[in-house]
Amino acid sequence: MCATGPVPGPKVRRGKGRDFIALEESTNRIVYLTSEEDFDQPVNAEPWMNKFWNVSLTARYVDCHVYFMRHSCLGMIARQKLVHSFF
């Protein structure tokens, strides 16, 4: 016997873990970053949309991380052939 039809139980839509990112086009700078799970209601984009007029919005990334470091550190990392983590 084969049963077909909808599965019983609550119809809960699970988040996919996407991150919503707004990048400023000319500098490729991140102007907004949030996870799909962090909000249940529409986001007020007016504050950063007024400051940054030309942005690109994307949701194609999953589990994004942002690291802040001095520009001199980036140069050192770029010169290294192999970078190790101490964590």
Protein backbone atom coordinates (compact mmCIF):
# COMPACT_ATOMS: atom_id res chain seq x y z
CA MET A 1 0.00 0.00 0.00
CA CYS A 2 1.35 3.43 -0.95
CA ALA A 3 0.11 6.61 0.72
CA THR A 4 0.20 9.87 -1.18
CA GLY A 5 -0.75 13.43 -0.29
CA PRO A 6 0.44 16.14 2.04
CA VAL A 7 2.42 15.20 5.12
CA PRO A 8 0.52 15.88 8.36
CA GLY A 9 1.91 18.40 10.83
CA PRO A 10 2.60 22.12 10.98
CA LYS A 11 3.60 23.88 7.79
CA VAL A 12 6.74 25.63 9.02
CA ARG A 13 9.04 27.19 6.46
CA ARG A 14 12.63 26.70 7.51
CA GLY A 15 15.25 29.34 6.76
CA LYS A 16 17.99 28.35 4.39
CA GLY A 17 20.74 30.09 6.33
CA ARG A 18 21.33 32.70 3.65
CA ASP A 19 22.98 36.02 4.38
CA PHE A 20 21.57 39.19 2.84
CA ILE A 21 24.32 41.57 1.77
CA ALA A 22 24.28 45.06 0.26
CA LEU A 23 27.51 46.06 -1.49
CA GLU A 24 28.30 49.62 -2.54
CA GLU A 25 29.02 49.32 -6.28
CA SER A 26 31.97 51.71 -6.74
CA THR A 27 34.08 50.47 -3.80
CA ASN A 28 32.62 46.98 -3.29
CA ARG A 29 32.23 47.93 0.39
CA ILE A 30 29.70 46.07 2.57
CA VAL A 31 27.02 48.55 3.64
CA TYR A 32 24.57 46.04 5.09
CA LEU A 33 24.86 42.42 6.23
CA THR A 34 22.31 40.29 8.05
CA SER A 35 21.34 36.66 8.34
CA GLU A 36 17.97 35.38 7.15
CA GLU A 37 17.27 34.03 10.63
CA ASP A 38 17.93 37.39 12.34
CA PHE A 39 14.66 39.04 11.40
CA ASP A 40 10.99 38.16 11.10
CA GLN A 41 9.73 41.44 9.65
CA PRO A 42 10.78 43.61 6.69
CA VAL A 43 14.06 45.47 7.11
CA ASN A 44 14.13 49.27 7.05
CA ALA A 45 16.70 49.95 4.33
CA GLU A 46 16.17 53.73 4.28
CA PRO A 47 19.15 54.69 6.52
CA TRP A 48 21.81 53.04 4.38
CA MET A 49 19.99 53.52 1.05
CA ASN A 50 20.03 57.31 1.63
CA LYS A 51 23.77 57.25 2.30
CA PHE A 52 24.75 54.77 -0.44
CA TRP A 53 22.82 55.33 -3.66
CA ASN A 54 24.38 52.69 -5.87
CA VAL A 55 24.20 49.32 -4.11
CA SER A 56 24.05 45.73 -5.24
CA LEU A 57 21.85 43.39 -3.17
CA THR A 58 22.52 39.68 -3.01
CA ALA A 59 21.47 36.61 -1.02
CA ARG A 60 23.73 34.08 -2.71
CA TYR A 61 26.12 33.66 0.21
CA VAL A 62 25.68 31.23 3.10
CA ASP A 63 27.28 31.61 6.56
CA CYS A 64 29.29 34.77 5.80
CA HIS A 65 32.00 36.06 8.09
CA VAL A 66 33.46 39.56 8.18
CA TYR A 67 37.00 40.14 9.44
CA PHE A 68 38.41 43.55 10.35
CA MET A 69 42.17 44.05 10.14
CA ARG A 70 44.75 46.68 9.35
CA HIS A 71 45.61 47.24 5.71
CA SER A 72 49.26 46.38 6.48
CA CYS A 73 48.13 42.93 7.66
CA LEU A 74 46.42 42.33 4.31
CA GLY A 75 49.69 43.09 2.52
CA MET A 76 51.54 40.61 4.71
CA ILE A 77 48.93 37.92 4.06
CA ALA A 78 49.06 38.58 0.31
CA ARG A 79 52.85 38.07 0.31
CA GLN A 80 52.66 34.74 2.15
CA LYS A 81 52.36 31.59 0.06
CA LEU A 82 50.79 29.65 2.94
CA VAL A 83 48.84 31.16 5.83
CA HIS A 84 48.20 29.21 9.05
CA SER A 85 45.54 29.90 11.63
CA PHE A 86 46.26 29.79 15.35
CA PHE A 87 42.64 29.10 16.35
